[in-house]
Amino acid sequence: MYVLSISSLSEVQMDFTLDFYFRQFWTDPRLAFRKRQGVETLSVGSEFIKNIWVPDTFFVNEKQSYFHIATTSNEFIRIHHSGSITRSIRLTITASCPMNLQYFPMDRQLCHIEIESSSAEGPCSVFREQQQQYAHAHRYCTMAAPGQPSLHWIK
């Protein structure tokens, strides 16, 4: 996840709005192909997504979301010759953020984006933060970046 902006934080609605690139990586050996000189990866448009298996990831605390489509769908898929796949989507999500306002205006809030897979069971689905090579075996893992809402990873 690459955060572009946090455009709003509402104490009244107890939510926040986040604009970001959501990137997923997985391997599907059925899509492997023979590497040719100068061709190690294929970049395909978002219309190709209907033809392949993709993780059924969703945002648990999402209240509202939308894909960016000006001037075209802000999504790409890159298939490596080994069958590893990269998918990148630009999203804007408004997510719930239950707040404790007891010490308002001197309070501090911690907001989460909860990411989950609806069909993954056991070790077949692992969410990890790519840059830090973060992976955790427990069901709930929390990561916080300075100045950004905490990202709540759920396996």
C-alpha atoms as a PDB file:
ATOM      1  CA  MET A   1       0.000   0.000   0.000  1.00  0.00           C
ATOM      2  CA  TYR A   2       1.378   3.367  -1.042  1.00  0.00           C
ATOM      3  CA  VAL A   3      -0.562   6.223   0.559  1.00  0.00           C
ATOM      4  CA  LEU A   4      -1.047   9.253  -1.685  1.00  0.00           C
ATOM      5  CA  SER A   5      -3.097  11.346   0.725  1.00  0.00           C
ATOM      6  CA  ILE A   6      -5.326  11.361   3.761  1.00  0.00           C
ATOM      7  CA  SER A   7      -7.946  13.788   2.571  1.00  0.00           C
ATOM      8  CA  SER A   8     -10.274  13.903   5.551  1.00  0.00           C
ATOM      9  CA  LEU A   9     -10.646  12.857   9.151  1.00  0.00           C
ATOM     10  CA  SER A  10     -14.096  13.319  10.666  1.00  0.00           C
ATOM     11  CA  GLU A  11     -14.628  13.219  14.411  1.00  0.00           C
ATOM     12  CA  VAL A  12     -18.384  13.550  13.844  1.00  0.00           C
ATOM     13  CA  GLN A  13     -18.677  10.625  11.399  1.00  0.00           C
ATOM     14  CA  MET A  14     -15.784   8.762  13.058  1.00  0.00           C
ATOM     15  CA  ASP A  15     -14.114   7.959   9.753  1.00  0.00           C
ATOM     16  CA  PHE A  16     -11.230   8.959   7.513  1.00  0.00           C
ATOM     17  CA  THR A  17     -10.651   9.034   3.765  1.00  0.00           C
ATOM     18  CA  LEU A  18      -7.501   7.638   2.217  1.00  0.00           C
ATOM     19  CA  ASP A  19      -6.268   7.790  -1.400  1.00  0.00           C
ATOM     20  CA  PHE A  20      -3.694   5.080  -2.154  1.00  0.00           C
ATOM     21  CA  TYR A  21      -2.225   2.512  -4.525  1.00  0.00           C
ATOM     22  CA  PHE A  22      -3.052  -1.002  -3.373  1.00  0.00           C
ATOM     23  CA  ARG A  23      -0.556  -3.530  -4.695  1.00  0.00           C
ATOM     24  CA  GLN A  24      -0.934  -7.292  -4.519  1.00  0.00           C
ATOM     25  CA  PHE A  25       1.600  -9.974  -5.415  1.00  0.00           C
ATOM     26  CA  TRP A  26       0.890 -13.669  -5.908  1.00  0.00           C
ATOM     27  CA  THR A  27       1.980 -16.621  -8.043  1.00  0.00           C
ATOM     28  CA  ASP A  28      -0.140 -18.585 -10.481  1.00  0.00           C
ATOM     29  CA  PRO A  29       1.988 -21.263 -12.215  1.00  0.00           C
ATOM     30  CA  ARG A  30      -0.676 -21.583 -14.943  1.00  0.00           C
ATOM     31  CA  LEU A  31       0.386 -18.155 -16.221  1.00  0.00           C
ATOM     32  CA  ALA A  32       4.105 -18.969 -16.458  1.00  0.00           C
ATOM     33  CA  PHE A  33       5.572 -18.676 -19.936  1.00  0.00           C
ATOM     34  CA  ARG A  34       8.874 -19.331 -21.637  1.00  0.00           C
ATOM     35  CA  LYS A  35      11.192 -16.365 -21.266  1.00  0.00           C
ATOM     36  CA  ARG A  36      12.334 -14.934 -24.558  1.00  0.00           C
ATOM     37  CA  GLN A  37      15.107 -12.487 -25.237  1.00  0.00           C
ATOM     38  CA  GLY A  38      13.909  -9.092 -24.030  1.00  0.00           C
ATOM     39  CA  VAL A  39      10.555 -10.435 -22.788  1.00  0.00           C
ATOM     40  CA  GLU A  40      10.506 -11.338 -19.111  1.00  0.00           C
ATOM     41  CA  THR A  41       7.181  -9.742 -18.178  1.00  0.00           C
ATOM     42  CA  LEU A  42       3.859  -8.968 -19.788  1.00  0.00           C
ATOM     43  CA  SER A  43       1.900  -5.873 -18.807  1.00  0.00           C
ATOM     44  CA  VAL A  44      -1.806  -6.200 -19.454  1.00  0.00           C
ATOM     45  CA  GLY A  45      -4.780  -3.918 -18.968  1.00  0.00           C
ATOM     46  CA  SER A  46      -7.414  -4.157 -16.291  1.00  0.00           C
ATOM     47  CA  GLU A  47      -9.854  -5.885 -18.668  1.00  0.00           C
ATOM     48  CA  PHE A  48      -7.613  -8.991 -18.405  1.00  0.00           C
ATOM     49  CA  ILE A  49      -8.518  -9.352 -14.713  1.00  0.00           C
ATOM     50  CA  LYS A  50     -11.751 -11.159 -15.660  1.00  0.00           C
ATOM     51  CA  ASN A  51      -9.708 -13.990 -17.192  1.00  0.00           C
ATOM     52  CA  ILE A  52      -7.458 -14.920 -14.261  1.00  0.00           C
ATOM     53  CA  TRP A  53      -7.742 -15.839 -10.610  1.00  0.00           C
ATOM     54  CA  VAL A  54      -7.248 -12.879  -8.266  1.00  0.00           C
ATOM     55  CA  PRO A  55      -7.235 -12.741  -4.461  1.00  0.00           C
ATOM     56  CA  ASP A  56     -10.648 -11.900  -3.012  1.00  0.00           C
ATOM     57  CA  THR A  57      -9.297  -9.158  -0.802  1.00  0.00           C
ATOM     58  CA  PHE A  58     -11.647  -6.688   0.837  1.00  0.00           C
ATOM     59  CA  PHE A  59     -11.475  -3.859   3.379  1.00  0.00           C
ATOM     60  CA  VAL A  60     -13.397  -4.828   6.510  1.00  0.00           C
ATOM     61  CA  ASN A  61     -13.975  -1.331   7.895  1.00  0.00           C
ATOM     62  CA  GLU A  62     -14.773   0.277   4.538  1.00  0.00           C
ATOM     63  CA  LYS A  63     -17.760   2.613   4.524  1.00  0.00           C
ATOM     64  CA  GLN A  64     -17.394   3.798   0.948  1.00  0.00           C
ATOM     65  CA  SER A  65     -14.839   3.288  -1.817  1.00  0.00           C
ATOM     66  CA  TYR A  66     -14.224   3.887  -5.477  1.00  0.00           C
ATOM     67  CA  PHE A  67     -11.758   3.020  -8.213  1.00  0.00           C
ATOM     68  CA  HIS A  68     -10.151   5.837 -10.176  1.00  0.00           C
ATOM     69  CA  ILE A  69     -11.029   5.685 -13.878  1.00  0.00           C
ATOM     70  CA  ALA A  70     -10.031   9.079 -15.341  1.00  0.00           C
ATOM     71  CA  THR A  71      -9.017   8.810 -18.300  1.00  0.00           C
ATOM     72  CA  THR A  72      -8.764   5.052 -18.064  1.00  0.00           C
ATOM     73  CA  SER A  73      -8.891   2.516 -15.248  1.00  0.00           C
ATOM     74  CA  ASN A  74      -6.022   3.224 -12.816  1.00  0.00           C
ATOM     75  CA  GLU A  75      -5.081  -0.437 -12.587  1.00  0.00           C
ATOM     76  CA  PHE A  76      -2.439  -2.633 -14.133  1.00  0.00           C
ATOM     77  CA  ILE A  77      -1.402  -6.257 -14.056  1.00  0.00           C
ATOM     78  CA  ARG A  78       2.137  -7.422 -14.697  1.00  0.00           C
ATOM     79  CA  ILE A  79       2.809 -11.133 -15.289  1.00  0.00           C
ATOM     80  CA  HIS A  80       6.386 -12.363 -14.854  1.00  0.00           C
ATOM     81  CA  HIS A  81       7.573 -15.336 -16.914  1.00  0.00           C
ATOM     82  CA  SER A  82       7.754 -17.422 -13.698  1.00  0.00           C
ATOM     83  CA  GLY A  83       4.012 -16.928 -13.126  1.00  0.00           C
ATOM     84  CA  SER A  84       4.363 -14.302 -10.405  1.00  0.00           C
ATOM     85  CA  ILE A  85       1.788 -11.538 -10.751  1.00  0.00           C
ATOM     86  CA  THR A  86       1.717  -7.913  -9.641  1.00  0.00           C
ATOM     87  CA  ARG A  87      -1.566  -6.032  -9.510  1.00  0.00           C
ATOM     88  CA  SER A  88      -1.785  -2.336  -8.701  1.00  0.00           C
ATOM     89  CA  ILE A  89      -5.041  -0.415  -8.197  1.00  0.00           C
ATOM     90  CA  ARG A  90      -5.606   3.199  -7.247  1.00  0.00           C
ATOM     91  CA  LEU A  91      -8.383   3.428  -4.656  1.00  0.00           C
ATOM     92  CA  THR A  92     -10.035   5.968  -2.430  1.00  0.00           C
ATOM     93  CA  ILE A  93     -11.610   4.516   0.693  1.00  0.00           C
ATOM     94  CA  THR A  94     -13.570   6.060   3.509  1.00  0.00           C
ATOM     95  CA  ALA A  95     -13.126   3.743   6.486  1.00  0.00           C
ATOM     96  CA  SER A  96     -14.599   3.736   9.956  1.00  0.00           C
ATOM     97  CA  CYS A  97     -12.363   4.846  12.802  1.00  0.00           C
ATOM     98  CA  PRO A  98     -13.980   4.473  16.233  1.00  0.00           C
ATOM     99  CA  MET A  99     -12.662   7.341  18.338  1.00  0.00           C
ATOM    100  CA  ASN A 100     -12.364   7.992  22.044  1.00  0.00           C
ATOM    101  CA  LEU A 101     -12.963  11.731  22.380  1.00  0.00           C
ATOM    102  CA  GLN A 102     -12.818  11.822  26.169  1.00  0.00           C
ATOM    103  CA  TYR A 103      -9.762  14.123  26.147  1.00  0.00           C
ATOM    104  CA  PHE A 104     -10.790  16.221  23.134  1.00  0.00           C
ATOM    105  CA  PRO A 105      -9.133  18.427  21.865  1.00  0.00           C
ATOM    106  CA  MET A 106      -5.952  16.939  23.376  1.00  0.00           C
ATOM    107  CA  ASP A 107      -6.792  13.388  22.312  1.00  0.00           C
ATOM    108  CA  ARG A 108      -4.873  11.109  19.958  1.00  0.00           C
ATOM    109  CA  GLN A 109      -6.596   8.686  17.620  1.00  0.00           C
ATOM    110  CA  LEU A 110      -5.324   5.559  15.886  1.00  0.00           C
ATOM    111  CA  CYS A 111      -7.135   4.658  12.664  1.00  0.00           C
ATOM    112  CA  HIS A 112      -6.826   1.319  10.883  1.00  0.00           C
ATOM    113  CA  ILE A 113      -7.393  -0.097   7.438  1.00  0.00           C
ATOM    114  CA  GLU A 114      -8.440  -3.718   7.946  1.00  0.00           C
ATOM    115  CA  ILE A 115      -7.587  -5.969   5.008  1.00  0.00           C
ATOM    116  CA  GLU A 116      -8.967  -9.478   4.788  1.00  0.00           C
ATOM    117  CA  SER A 117      -9.566 -12.320   2.365  1.00  0.00           C
ATOM    118  CA  SER A 118     -13.043 -13.826   2.457  1.00  0.00           C
ATOM    119  CA  SER A 119     -12.038 -17.346   1.471  1.00  0.00           C
ATOM    120  CA  ALA A 120      -8.447 -17.766   2.640  1.00  0.00           C
ATOM    121  CA  GLU A 121      -7.907 -20.316   5.373  1.00  0.00           C
ATOM    122  CA  GLY A 122      -4.666 -21.183   7.117  1.00  0.00           C
ATOM    123  CA  PRO A 123      -1.246 -20.359   5.683  1.00  0.00           C
ATOM    124  CA  CYS A 124      -2.353 -19.949   2.044  1.00  0.00           C
ATOM    125  CA  SER A 125      -2.895 -16.206   2.399  1.00  0.00           C
ATOM    126  CA  VAL A 126      -0.256 -13.992   3.972  1.00  0.00           C
ATOM    127  CA  PHE A 127      -0.417 -10.211   3.937  1.00  0.00           C
ATOM    128  CA  ARG A 128       2.919  -8.526   4.340  1.00  0.00           C
ATOM    129  CA  GLU A 129       4.352  -5.087   3.908  1.00  0.00           C
ATOM    130  CA  GLN A 130       6.662  -5.370   0.900  1.00  0.00           C
ATOM    131  CA  GLN A 131       9.405  -2.858   1.751  1.00  0.00           C
ATOM    132  CA  GLN A 132      10.095  -4.157   5.244  1.00  0.00           C
ATOM    133  CA  GLN A 133       9.554  -7.805   4.268  1.00  0.00           C
ATOM    134  CA  TYR A 134       7.015  -7.898   7.099  1.00  0.00           C
ATOM    135  CA  ALA A 135       5.157 -11.117   7.679  1.00  0.00           C
ATOM    136  CA  HIS A 136       3.582 -12.402  10.840  1.00  0.00           C
ATOM    137  CA  ALA A 137       2.014 -15.742  11.673  1.00  0.00           C
ATOM    138  CA  HIS A 138      -0.617 -14.371  14.041  1.00  0.00           C
ATOM    139  CA  ARG A 139      -4.082 -13.502  12.865  1.00  0.00           C
ATOM    140  CA  TYR A 140      -3.811  -9.793  13.689  1.00  0.00           C
ATOM    141  CA  CYS A 141      -0.739  -7.653  13.082  1.00  0.00           C
ATOM    142  CA  THR A 142      -0.533  -3.902  13.440  1.00  0.00           C
ATOM    143  CA  MET A 143       1.902  -1.669  11.612  1.00  0.00           C
ATOM    144  CA  ALA A 144       2.123   2.086  12.031  1.00  0.00           C
ATOM    145  CA  ALA A 145       4.099   4.559   9.978  1.00  0.00           C
ATOM    146  CA  PRO A 146       4.927   7.941  11.524  1.00  0.00           C
ATOM    147  CA  GLY A 147       2.330  10.495  10.521  1.00  0.00           C
ATOM    148  CA  GLN A 148       0.051   7.947   8.821  1.00  0.00           C
ATOM    149  CA  PRO A 149      -2.837   5.850  10.077  1.00  0.00           C
ATOM    150  CA  SER A 150      -1.922   2.439  11.341  1.00  0.00           C
ATOM    151  CA  LEU A 151      -2.393  -0.364   8.838  1.00  0.00           C
ATOM    152  CA  HIS A 152      -4.111  -3.310  10.455  1.00  0.00           C
ATOM    153  CA  TRP A 153      -3.169  -6.471   8.569  1.00  0.00           C
ATOM    154  CA  ILE A 154      -5.381  -9.509   8.939  1.00  0.00           C
ATOM    155  CA  LYS A 155      -4.485 -12.929   7.614  1.00  0.00           C
END
